[in-house]
Amino acid sequence: MKSDEFIDADLALLKRPLIDVRAPIEFSAGALPGAINLPLMDDDERREVGIRYKQAGQASAVALGNHLVSGDRRERCLAAWEQALGAAPDSVIYCFRGGMRSKISQQWLAERGHPLPRIRGGWKAMRNQLIEALEIHSPAPLLLVAGLTGCAKTALINALGSGVDLEGHARHKGSAFGQHPMAGPSQIDFEHGLTLDLMRLPQARVVEDESQRIGRLAIPATFWQSMKAAPCIRVEMPLEWRLEQIRKDYIEDLSEIYHRHYGPQLGEVLFRKQLSGALKRLGKRLGVSGWPD
C-alpha cells in the first residue's frame, strides 16, 4: 500500500473501523457511525490554524500546524493511532474533506510502518452519501403506532423485526419526563443512526406516531413526510396498567440509569432534579403556578 493511498467514499466503509482525526468539536457535531475520534489537533489548535489559513494561506497554515503538533504532542497522536491499529489493523482514516489532516496522519503512520488508506473526500463525501441514502430509503411503506403515554408503544415497536425506535435514536422518550441522563446525539448523528436503520429495513417499517421534534432533535423532512402520509393504528390499555408502566419507565428505569452512571448518591440527586424540573415544565404548560420543589 502506498503512503498516500485514497479509498473512495462508500457506505460499505461503515463496516470497517474508522479513525476520525478531526478536532473534538467537529466530531461531537456529527461523526460517521462507529468511528472513533483520535484528533490530529485539538479544538484550540484547529482554530489557530484556521485563522492562519484565512490570513496567510495554506502553506503558512500547514507550517503552523506542523509546529503545534510536534515533539511529544506528535508522539502522543501516533501512540493513540497505533493503539487503535493494534486492535483494528484494517482501519481507514479520514478528516473533514480528506485533505491535509488525514494526509499528514497517514504519512506519519506510514513512516512508522503502518500504511492505511484515507477516504477520498473525507467526512463530507461520506455524509453526502448518507444523506442520499436517507432520501432513497425514507419513502418505503410505513405504519404508525399511536396511543396514550404508558401503553408501551416503544416496547411493542422494539419487539418487531420491522420496528424503528425513533426515541431510541434520539435518546429521549419524547415526553416532558423523557430526557435521558446522558447527552443525546447531535442532529447529524441522529440522522445517521436513522439512516442505517432504514437501510437495514428496506421493506415496510413500524414507528411510533411522533411530532416532528423529539426533544431538541427533528425527524428528517423526507421521513417525516412519509410518516404524515402513513396509516396509523392506536394502542389502548387500561388506566391501571398504564400507570404501572409509567412508574416503571419514568421512575424505576430512569432512576436506575442515573444511579448506574453517576453512583447512588449523585445519581439520586440528579434524578430528583430532573423529575422536579419535568414537573415544573409540565405545570407551566397546564397553567399551574407555584409548583413545589
C-alpha atoms as a PDB file:
ATOM      1  CA  MET A   1       0.000   0.000   0.000  1.00  0.00           C
ATOM      2  CA  LYS A   2       1.295   3.461  -0.911  1.00  0.00           C
ATOM      3  CA  SER A   3       1.718   6.003   1.894  1.00  0.00           C
ATOM      4  CA  ASP A   4      -0.826   8.336   0.256  1.00  0.00           C
ATOM      5  CA  GLU A   5      -3.465   5.823  -0.862  1.00  0.00           C
ATOM      6  CA  PHE A   6      -7.043   7.006  -1.164  1.00  0.00           C
ATOM      7  CA  ILE A   7     -10.149   4.871  -0.903  1.00  0.00           C
ATOM      8  CA  ASP A   8     -13.355   6.165  -2.481  1.00  0.00           C
ATOM      9  CA  ALA A   9     -16.220   7.174  -0.217  1.00  0.00           C
ATOM     10  CA  ASP A  10     -18.664   4.268   0.003  1.00  0.00           C
ATOM     11  CA  LEU A  11     -21.178   3.347   2.696  1.00  0.00           C
ATOM     12  CA  ALA A  12     -19.643  -0.145   2.744  1.00  0.00           C
ATOM     13  CA  LEU A  13     -16.754   1.509   4.624  1.00  0.00           C
ATOM     14  CA  LEU A  14     -19.046   1.847   7.650  1.00  0.00           C
ATOM     15  CA  LYS A  15     -18.432  -1.875   8.205  1.00  0.00           C
ATOM     16  CA  ARG A  16     -14.716  -1.170   8.725  1.00  0.00           C
ATOM     17  CA  PRO A  17     -13.059   0.508  11.743  1.00  0.00           C
ATOM     18  CA  LEU A  18     -12.875   4.257  11.141  1.00  0.00           C
ATOM     19  CA  ILE A  19     -10.437   6.740  12.697  1.00  0.00           C
ATOM     20  CA  ASP A  20     -11.654  10.336  12.647  1.00  0.00           C
ATOM     21  CA  VAL A  21      -8.734  12.776  13.009  1.00  0.00           C
ATOM     22  CA  ARG A  22     -10.892  15.913  13.082  1.00  0.00           C
ATOM     23  CA  ALA A  23     -10.978  18.090  16.193  1.00  0.00           C
ATOM     24  CA  PRO A  24     -13.302  17.010  19.046  1.00  0.00           C
ATOM     25  CA  ILE A  25     -15.724  19.883  18.392  1.00  0.00           C
ATOM     26  CA  GLU A  26     -16.213  18.664  14.818  1.00  0.00           C
ATOM     27  CA  PHE A  27     -16.650  15.057  15.923  1.00  0.00           C
ATOM     28  CA  SER A  28     -19.263  15.964  18.537  1.00  0.00           C
ATOM     29  CA  ALA A  29     -21.245  17.890  15.916  1.00  0.00           C
ATOM     30  CA  GLY A  30     -21.543  14.780  13.764  1.00  0.00           C
ATOM     31  CA  ALA A  31     -19.418  11.722  13.012  1.00  0.00           C
ATOM     32  CA  LEU A  32     -19.585   8.636  10.854  1.00  0.00           C
ATOM     33  CA  PRO A  33     -21.373   5.765  12.630  1.00  0.00           C
ATOM     34  CA  GLY A  34     -18.954   3.667  14.650  1.00  0.00           C
ATOM     35  CA  ALA A  35     -15.959   5.973  14.164  1.00  0.00           C
ATOM     36  CA  ILE A  36     -13.537   6.780  16.982  1.00  0.00           C
ATOM     37  CA  ASN A  37     -12.118  10.277  17.415  1.00  0.00           C
ATOM     38  CA  LEU A  38      -8.315  10.409  17.629  1.00  0.00           C
ATOM     39  CA  PRO A  39      -7.678  14.013  16.561  1.00  0.00           C
ATOM     40  CA  LEU A  40      -4.561  15.373  14.950  1.00  0.00           C
ATOM     41  CA  MET A  41      -5.277  18.768  16.531  1.00  0.00           C
ATOM     42  CA  ASP A  42      -7.397  19.822  19.489  1.00  0.00           C
ATOM     43  CA  ASP A  43     -10.078  22.494  19.202  1.00  0.00           C
ATOM     44  CA  ASP A  44      -7.789  25.428  20.043  1.00  0.00           C
ATOM     45  CA  GLU A  45      -5.070  24.277  17.627  1.00  0.00           C
ATOM     46  CA  ARG A  46      -7.622  23.833  14.859  1.00  0.00           C
ATOM     47  CA  ARG A  47      -8.935  27.345  15.488  1.00  0.00           C
ATOM     48  CA  GLU A  48      -5.426  28.836  15.349  1.00  0.00           C
ATOM     49  CA  VAL A  49      -4.624  27.040  12.098  1.00  0.00           C
ATOM     50  CA  GLY A  50      -7.941  28.149  10.606  1.00  0.00           C
ATOM     51  CA  ILE A  51      -7.194  31.781  11.414  1.00  0.00           C
ATOM     52  CA  ARG A  52      -3.699  31.477   9.914  1.00  0.00           C
ATOM     53  CA  TYR A  53      -5.181  29.920   6.762  1.00  0.00           C
ATOM     54  CA  LYS A  54      -7.542  32.864   6.285  1.00  0.00           C
ATOM     55  CA  GLN A  55      -4.842  35.415   6.963  1.00  0.00           C
ATOM     56  CA  ALA A  56      -1.805  33.920   5.230  1.00  0.00           C
ATOM     57  CA  GLY A  57      -2.866  30.962   3.096  1.00  0.00           C
ATOM     58  CA  GLN A  58      -2.433  27.195   3.110  1.00  0.00           C
ATOM     59  CA  ALA A  59       1.372  26.962   3.265  1.00  0.00           C
ATOM     60  CA  SER A  60       1.548  29.155   6.347  1.00  0.00           C
ATOM     61  CA  ALA A  61      -1.323  27.251   7.977  1.00  0.00           C
ATOM     62  CA  VAL A  62       0.402  23.895   7.341  1.00  0.00           C
ATOM     63  CA  ALA A  63       3.635  25.256   8.818  1.00  0.00           C
ATOM     64  CA  LEU A  64       1.786  26.386  11.944  1.00  0.00           C
ATOM     65  CA  GLY A  65       0.045  23.010  12.214  1.00  0.00           C
ATOM     66  CA  ASN A  66       3.379  21.178  11.988  1.00  0.00           C
ATOM     67  CA  HIS A  67       4.751  23.438  14.715  1.00  0.00           C
ATOM     68  CA  LEU A  68       1.779  22.934  17.025  1.00  0.00           C
ATOM     69  CA  VAL A  69       1.693  19.169  16.577  1.00  0.00           C
ATOM     70  CA  SER A  70       5.353  18.272  17.031  1.00  0.00           C
ATOM     71  CA  GLY A  71       7.641  16.645  19.575  1.00  0.00           C
ATOM     72  CA  ASP A  72       5.796  14.975  22.450  1.00  0.00           C
ATOM     73  CA  ARG A  73       2.454  16.110  21.033  1.00  0.00           C
ATOM     74  CA  ARG A  74       3.167  14.264  17.779  1.00  0.00           C
ATOM     75  CA  GLU A  75       4.233  11.152  19.666  1.00  0.00           C
ATOM     76  CA  ARG A  76       1.019  11.126  21.697  1.00  0.00           C
ATOM     77  CA  CYS A  77      -1.013  11.246  18.495  1.00  0.00           C
ATOM     78  CA  LEU A  78       0.984   8.400  16.976  1.00  0.00           C
ATOM     79  CA  ALA A  79       0.706   6.319  20.138  1.00  0.00           C
ATOM     80  CA  ALA A  80      -3.086   6.689  20.130  1.00  0.00           C
ATOM     81  CA  TRP A  81      -3.350   5.786  16.441  1.00  0.00           C
ATOM     82  CA  GLU A  82      -1.006   2.806  16.816  1.00  0.00           C
ATOM     83  CA  GLN A  83      -3.031   1.503  19.739  1.00  0.00           C
ATOM     84  CA  ALA A  84      -6.201   1.713  17.651  1.00  0.00           C
ATOM     85  CA  LEU A  85      -4.497  -0.032  14.734  1.00  0.00           C
ATOM     86  CA  GLY A  86      -3.275  -2.769  17.061  1.00  0.00           C
ATOM     87  CA  ALA A  87      -6.917  -3.562  17.812  1.00  0.00           C
ATOM     88  CA  ALA A  88      -8.154  -2.969  14.251  1.00  0.00           C
ATOM     89  CA  PRO A  89      -5.395  -3.195  11.589  1.00  0.00           C
ATOM     90  CA  ASP A  90      -7.878  -2.727   8.721  1.00  0.00           C
ATOM     91  CA  SER A  91      -8.854   0.774   9.870  1.00  0.00           C
ATOM     92  CA  VAL A  92      -9.493   3.655   7.491  1.00  0.00           C
ATOM     93  CA  ILE A  93      -8.627   7.253   8.359  1.00  0.00           C
ATOM     94  CA  TYR A  94     -10.481  10.425   7.459  1.00  0.00           C
ATOM     95  CA  CYS A  95     -10.733  14.149   8.180  1.00  0.00           C
ATOM     96  CA  PHE A  96     -13.295  16.702   7.018  1.00  0.00           C
ATOM     97  CA  ARG A  97     -12.627  16.608   3.264  1.00  0.00           C
ATOM     98  CA  GLY A  98      -9.826  14.040   3.028  1.00  0.00           C
ATOM     99  CA  GLY A  99      -7.273  16.846   2.949  1.00  0.00           C
ATOM    100  CA  MET A 100      -4.235  17.884   4.945  1.00  0.00           C
ATOM    101  CA  ARG A 101      -5.081  16.456   8.359  1.00  0.00           C
ATOM    102  CA  SER A 102      -5.730  12.915   7.178  1.00  0.00           C
ATOM    103  CA  LYS A 103      -2.805  13.182   4.731  1.00  0.00           C
ATOM    104  CA  ILE A 104      -0.374  14.181   7.493  1.00  0.00           C
ATOM    105  CA  SER A 105      -1.729  11.481   9.814  1.00  0.00           C
ATOM    106  CA  GLN A 106      -1.460   8.919   7.029  1.00  0.00           C
ATOM    107  CA  GLN A 107       2.135   9.917   6.244  1.00  0.00           C
ATOM    108  CA  TRP A 108       3.254   9.794   9.870  1.00  0.00           C
ATOM    109  CA  LEU A 109       1.759   6.336  10.297  1.00  0.00           C
ATOM    110  CA  ALA A 110       3.344   5.092   7.059  1.00  0.00           C
ATOM    111  CA  GLU A 111       6.730   6.264   8.349  1.00  0.00           C
ATOM    112  CA  ARG A 112       6.155   4.076  11.413  1.00  0.00           C
ATOM    113  CA  GLY A 113       5.288   1.060   9.280  1.00  0.00           C
ATOM    114  CA  HIS A 114       1.505   1.412   9.394  1.00  0.00           C
ATOM    115  CA  PRO A 115       0.226   2.216   5.891  1.00  0.00           C
ATOM    116  CA  LEU A 116      -3.532   2.687   5.783  1.00  0.00           C
ATOM    117  CA  PRO A 117      -5.923   4.349   3.342  1.00  0.00           C
ATOM    118  CA  ARG A 118      -7.747   7.635   3.830  1.00  0.00           C
ATOM    119  CA  ILE A 119     -11.204   8.381   2.482  1.00  0.00           C
ATOM    120  CA  ARG A 120     -11.308  10.479  -0.668  1.00  0.00           C
ATOM    121  CA  GLY A 121     -13.436  13.498   0.153  1.00  0.00           C
ATOM    122  CA  GLY A 122     -13.377  12.579   3.859  1.00  0.00           C
ATOM    123  CA  TRP A 123     -16.317  13.042   6.210  1.00  0.00           C
ATOM    124  CA  LYS A 124     -18.067  15.384   3.779  1.00  0.00           C
ATOM    125  CA  ALA A 125     -18.205  12.809   0.987  1.00  0.00           C
ATOM    126  CA  MET A 126     -19.484  10.104   3.335  1.00  0.00           C
ATOM    127  CA  ARG A 127     -22.033  12.495   4.835  1.00  0.00           C
ATOM    128  CA  ASN A 128     -23.360  13.248   1.348  1.00  0.00           C
ATOM    129  CA  GLN A 129     -23.803   9.532   0.682  1.00  0.00           C
ATOM    130  CA  LEU A 130     -25.650   9.057   3.977  1.00  0.00           C
ATOM    131  CA  ILE A 131     -27.981  11.968   3.122  1.00  0.00           C
ATOM    132  CA  GLU A 132     -28.623  10.420  -0.291  1.00  0.00           C
ATOM    133  CA  ALA A 133     -29.354   7.043   1.334  1.00  0.00           C
ATOM    134  CA  LEU A 134     -31.783   8.706   3.749  1.00  0.00           C
ATOM    135  CA  GLU A 135     -33.648  10.285   0.833  1.00  0.00           C
ATOM    136  CA  ILE A 136     -33.774   6.983  -1.062  1.00  0.00           C
ATOM    137  CA  HIS A 137     -34.907   4.804   1.839  1.00  0.00           C
ATOM    138  CA  SER A 138     -37.381   7.152   3.525  1.00  0.00           C
ATOM    139  CA  PRO A 139     -40.413   6.571   1.245  1.00  0.00           C
ATOM    140  CA  ALA A 140     -40.826   2.816   1.906  1.00  0.00           C
ATOM    141  CA  PRO A 141     -44.199   1.590   3.316  1.00  0.00           C
ATOM    142  CA  LEU A 142     -44.757   2.678   6.905  1.00  0.00           C
ATOM    143  CA  LEU A 143     -47.190   2.009   9.746  1.00  0.00           C
ATOM    144  CA  LEU A 144     -47.563   4.343  12.735  1.00  0.00           C
ATOM    145  CA  VAL A 145     -48.390   3.196  16.257  1.00  0.00           C
ATOM    146  CA  ALA A 146     -50.245   5.753  18.398  1.00  0.00           C
ATOM    147  CA  GLY A 147     -51.587   5.705  21.930  1.00  0.00           C
ATOM    148  CA  LEU A 148     -51.501   7.457  25.279  1.00  0.00           C
ATOM    149  CA  THR A 149     -48.366   7.570  27.411  1.00  0.00           C
ATOM    150  CA  GLY A 150     -47.842   4.302  29.247  1.00  0.00           C
ATOM    151  CA  CYS A 151     -49.213   1.999  26.551  1.00  0.00           C
ATOM    152  CA  ALA A 152     -45.717   0.513  25.971  1.00  0.00           C
ATOM    153  CA  LYS A 153     -45.611   1.570  22.326  1.00  0.00           C
ATOM    154  CA  THR A 154     -41.804   1.630  22.291  1.00  0.00           C
ATOM    155  CA  ALA A 155     -41.616  -1.885  23.747  1.00  0.00           C
ATOM    156  CA  LEU A 156     -44.047  -3.067  21.070  1.00  0.00           C
ATOM    157  CA  ILE A 157     -42.007  -1.474  18.279  1.00  0.00           C
ATOM    158  CA  ASN A 158     -38.737  -2.921  19.578  1.00  0.00           C
ATOM    159  CA  ALA A 159     -40.304  -6.379  19.738  1.00  0.00           C
ATOM    160  CA  LEU A 160     -41.000  -6.237  15.993  1.00  0.00           C
ATOM    161  CA  GLY A 161     -38.363  -7.123  13.439  1.00  0.00           C
ATOM    162  CA  SER A 162     -39.573  -4.192  11.351  1.00  0.00           C
ATOM    163  CA  GLY A 163     -39.604  -1.629  14.179  1.00  0.00           C
ATOM    164  CA  VAL A 164     -37.667   1.653  14.038  1.00  0.00           C
ATOM    165  CA  ASP A 165     -37.214   3.188  17.503  1.00  0.00           C
ATOM    166  CA  LEU A 166     -37.102   6.942  16.866  1.00  0.00           C
ATOM    167  CA  GLU A 167     -36.976   7.727  20.581  1.00  0.00           C
ATOM    168  CA  GLY A 168     -34.105   5.302  20.996  1.00  0.00           C
ATOM    169  CA  HIS A 169     -32.169   7.037  18.224  1.00  0.00           C
ATOM    170  CA  ALA A 170     -32.900  10.424  19.816  1.00  0.00           C
ATOM    171  CA  ARG A 171     -32.116   9.115  23.332  1.00  0.00           C
ATOM    172  CA  HIS A 172     -35.279  10.838  24.502  1.00  0.00           C
ATOM    173  CA  LYS A 173     -38.710   9.412  25.316  1.00  0.00           C
ATOM    174  CA  GLY A 174     -40.474  12.297  23.650  1.00  0.00           C
ATOM    175  CA  SER A 175     -42.413  13.485  26.715  1.00  0.00           C
ATOM    176  CA  ALA A 176     -41.957  16.030  29.499  1.00  0.00           C
ATOM    177  CA  PHE A 177     -40.285  13.301  31.565  1.00  0.00           C
ATOM    178  CA  GLY A 178     -38.346  11.740  28.703  1.00  0.00           C
ATOM    179  CA  GLN A 179     -34.990  13.479  28.935  1.00  0.00           C
ATOM    180  CA  HIS A 180     -32.176  10.923  29.166  1.00  0.00           C
ATOM    181  CA  PRO A 181     -29.471  11.450  31.819  1.00  0.00           C
ATOM    182  CA  MET A 182     -26.730  11.107  29.219  1.00  0.00           C
ATOM    183  CA  ALA A 183     -26.263  13.662  26.467  1.00  0.00           C
ATOM    184  CA  GLY A 184     -28.263  12.892  23.365  1.00  0.00           C
ATOM    185  CA  PRO A 185     -26.829  12.664  19.850  1.00  0.00           C
ATOM    186  CA  SER A 186     -26.295  15.645  17.603  1.00  0.00           C
ATOM    187  CA  GLN A 187     -28.834  16.191  14.832  1.00  0.00           C
ATOM    188  CA  ILE A 188     -26.373  14.725  12.339  1.00  0.00           C
ATOM    189  CA  ASP A 189     -25.694  11.621  14.429  1.00  0.00           C
ATOM    190  CA  PHE A 190     -29.448  11.155  14.915  1.00  0.00           C
ATOM    191  CA  GLU A 191     -29.918  11.268  11.142  1.00  0.00           C
ATOM    192  CA  HIS A 192     -27.061   8.840  10.566  1.00  0.00           C
ATOM    193  CA  GLY A 193     -28.440   6.302  13.032  1.00  0.00           C
ATOM    194  CA  LEU A 194     -31.899   6.531  11.487  1.00  0.00           C
ATOM    195  CA  THR A 195     -30.429   6.127   8.006  1.00  0.00           C
ATOM    196  CA  LEU A 196     -28.660   2.892   8.946  1.00  0.00           C
ATOM    197  CA  ASP A 197     -31.909   1.551  10.413  1.00  0.00           C
ATOM    198  CA  LEU A 198     -33.840   2.399   7.243  1.00  0.00           C
ATOM    199  CA  MET A 199     -31.154   0.752   5.110  1.00  0.00           C
ATOM    200  CA  ARG A 200     -31.413  -2.347   7.326  1.00  0.00           C
ATOM    201  CA  LEU A 201     -35.193  -2.426   6.820  1.00  0.00           C
ATOM    202  CA  PRO A 202     -35.785  -1.681   3.130  1.00  0.00           C
ATOM    203  CA  GLN A 203     -39.358  -3.026   3.257  1.00  0.00           C
ATOM    204  CA  ALA A 204     -42.287  -1.962   5.476  1.00  0.00           C
ATOM    205  CA  ARG A 205     -41.416  -0.402   8.852  1.00  0.00           C
ATOM    206  CA  VAL A 206     -43.300   0.336  12.048  1.00  0.00           C
ATOM    207  CA  VAL A 207     -42.624   3.540  14.039  1.00  0.00           C
ATOM    208  CA  GLU A 208     -44.283   5.391  16.878  1.00  0.00           C
ATOM    209  CA  ASP A 209     -46.534   8.308  15.975  1.00  0.00           C
ATOM    210  CA  GLU A 210     -44.342  11.275  16.954  1.00  0.00           C
ATOM    211  CA  SER A 211     -44.330  15.007  16.435  1.00  0.00           C
ATOM    212  CA  GLN A 212     -41.532  16.136  14.125  1.00  0.00           C
ATOM    213  CA  ARG A 213     -39.394  17.093  17.130  1.00  0.00           C
ATOM    214  CA  ILE A 214     -38.215  14.570  19.703  1.00  0.00           C
ATOM    215  CA  GLY A 215     -36.646  16.633  22.459  1.00  0.00           C
ATOM    216  CA  ARG A 216     -34.293  19.021  20.671  1.00  0.00           C
ATOM    217  CA  LEU A 217     -33.941  16.865  17.559  1.00  0.00           C
ATOM    218  CA  ALA A 218     -36.003  16.950  14.369  1.00  0.00           C
ATOM    219  CA  ILE A 219     -37.111  13.966  12.320  1.00  0.00           C
ATOM    220  CA  PRO A 220     -35.625  14.488   8.808  1.00  0.00           C
ATOM    221  CA  ALA A 221     -38.081  16.121   6.442  1.00  0.00           C
ATOM    222  CA  THR A 222     -38.326  13.301   3.872  1.00  0.00           C
ATOM    223  CA  PHE A 223     -39.016  10.647   6.502  1.00  0.00           C
ATOM    224  CA  TRP A 224     -41.431  12.997   8.269  1.00  0.00           C
ATOM    225  CA  GLN A 225     -43.424  13.338   5.039  1.00  0.00           C
ATOM    226  CA  SER A 226     -43.657   9.536   4.869  1.00  0.00           C
ATOM    227  CA  MET A 227     -44.883   9.485   8.468  1.00  0.00           C
ATOM    228  CA  LYS A 228     -47.568  12.082   7.774  1.00  0.00           C
ATOM    229  CA  ALA A 229     -48.899  10.008   4.865  1.00  0.00           C
ATOM    230  CA  ALA A 230     -48.780   6.654   6.699  1.00  0.00           C
ATOM    231  CA  PRO A 231     -51.758   4.764   8.135  1.00  0.00           C
ATOM    232  CA  CYS A 232     -51.965   4.675  11.911  1.00  0.00           C
ATOM    233  CA  ILE A 233     -53.169   2.156  14.494  1.00  0.00           C
ATOM    234  CA  ARG A 234     -53.963   3.033  18.093  1.00  0.00           C
ATOM    235  CA  VAL A 235     -52.912   1.003  21.139  1.00  0.00           C
ATOM    236  CA  GLU A 236     -55.192   1.199  24.182  1.00  0.00           C
ATOM    237  CA  MET A 237     -54.515  -0.184  27.651  1.00  0.00           C
ATOM    238  CA  PRO A 238     -56.404   0.041  30.975  1.00  0.00           C
ATOM    239  CA  LEU A 239     -55.559   3.050  33.149  1.00  0.00           C
ATOM    240  CA  GLU A 240     -54.133   0.904  35.965  1.00  0.00           C
ATOM    241  CA  TRP A 241     -51.830  -0.875  33.525  1.00  0.00           C
ATOM    242  CA  ARG A 242     -50.665   2.444  32.053  1.00  0.00           C
ATOM    243  CA  LEU A 243     -49.931   3.913  35.487  1.00  0.00           C
ATOM    244  CA  GLU A 244     -47.756   0.916  36.331  1.00  0.00           C
ATOM    245  CA  GLN A 245     -45.920   1.250  33.008  1.00  0.00           C
ATOM    246  CA  ILE A 246     -45.376   4.985  33.542  1.00  0.00           C
ATOM    247  CA  ARG A 247     -43.973   4.297  37.006  1.00  0.00           C
ATOM    248  CA  LYS A 248     -41.597   1.722  35.552  1.00  0.00           C
ATOM    249  CA  ASP A 249     -40.487   3.892  32.611  1.00  0.00           C
ATOM    250  CA  TYR A 250     -40.115   7.271  34.313  1.00  0.00           C
ATOM    251  CA  ILE A 251     -39.315   6.299  37.905  1.00  0.00           C
ATOM    252  CA  GLU A 252     -37.715   2.863  38.183  1.00  0.00           C
ATOM    253  CA  ASP A 253     -35.867   2.647  34.853  1.00  0.00           C
ATOM    254  CA  LEU A 254     -34.813   6.302  34.754  1.00  0.00           C
ATOM    255  CA  SER A 255     -33.622   6.195  38.363  1.00  0.00           C
ATOM    256  CA  GLU A 256     -31.600   3.069  37.624  1.00  0.00           C
ATOM    257  CA  ILE A 257     -29.892   4.770  34.680  1.00  0.00           C
ATOM    258  CA  TYR A 258     -28.939   7.785  36.828  1.00  0.00           C
ATOM    259  CA  HIS A 259     -27.617   5.557  39.608  1.00  0.00           C
ATOM    260  CA  ARG A 260     -25.625   3.420  37.171  1.00  0.00           C
ATOM    261  CA  HIS A 261     -23.927   6.387  35.505  1.00  0.00           C
ATOM    262  CA  TYR A 262     -23.422   8.704  38.472  1.00  0.00           C
ATOM    263  CA  GLY A 263     -23.430   6.443  41.529  1.00  0.00           C
ATOM    264  CA  PRO A 264     -26.189   6.049  44.147  1.00  0.00           C
ATOM    265  CA  GLN A 265     -25.828   9.429  45.879  1.00  0.00           C
ATOM    266  CA  LEU A 266     -25.199  11.839  42.994  1.00  0.00           C
ATOM    267  CA  GLY A 267     -27.447   9.758  40.759  1.00  0.00           C
ATOM    268  CA  GLU A 268     -30.363  10.124  43.174  1.00  0.00           C
ATOM    269  CA  VAL A 269     -29.824  13.899  43.454  1.00  0.00           C
ATOM    270  CA  LEU A 270     -29.698  14.321  39.673  1.00  0.00           C
ATOM    271  CA  PHE A 271     -32.688  12.045  39.146  1.00  0.00           C
ATOM    272  CA  ARG A 272     -34.810  14.023  41.602  1.00  0.00           C
ATOM    273  CA  LYS A 273     -33.682  17.281  39.995  1.00  0.00           C
ATOM    274  CA  GLN A 274     -34.664  16.014  36.557  1.00  0.00           C
ATOM    275  CA  LEU A 275     -38.040  14.791  37.813  1.00  0.00           C
ATOM    276  CA  SER A 276     -38.740  18.082  39.610  1.00  0.00           C
ATOM    277  CA  GLY A 277     -37.776  20.090  36.515  1.00  0.00           C
ATOM    278  CA  ALA A 278     -40.052  17.961  34.335  1.00  0.00           C
ATOM    279  CA  LEU A 279     -42.969  18.510  36.718  1.00  0.00           C
ATOM    280  CA  LYS A 280     -42.382  22.281  36.685  1.00  0.00           C
ATOM    281  CA  ARG A 281     -42.260  22.359  32.880  1.00  0.00           C
ATOM    282  CA  LEU A 282     -45.456  20.331  32.724  1.00  0.00           C
ATOM    283  CA  GLY A 283     -47.072  22.645  35.285  1.00  0.00           C
ATOM    284  CA  LYS A 284     -46.278  25.670  33.117  1.00  0.00           C
ATOM    285  CA  ARG A 285     -47.882  24.020  30.118  1.00  0.00           C
ATOM    286  CA  LEU A 286     -51.000  23.352  32.161  1.00  0.00           C
ATOM    287  CA  GLY A 287     -51.017  26.847  33.655  1.00  0.00           C
ATOM    288  CA  VAL A 288     -50.159  25.636  37.161  1.00  0.00           C
ATOM    289  CA  SER A 289     -48.036  28.092  39.168  1.00  0.00           C
ATOM    290  CA  GLY A 290     -46.130  27.657  42.417  1.00  0.00           C
ATOM    291  CA  TRP A 291     -45.131  24.031  41.789  1.00  0.00           C
ATOM    292  CA  PRO A 292     -43.219  22.775  44.860  1.00  0.00           C
ATOM    293  CA  ASP A 293     -39.526  21.828  44.696  1.00  0.00           C
END
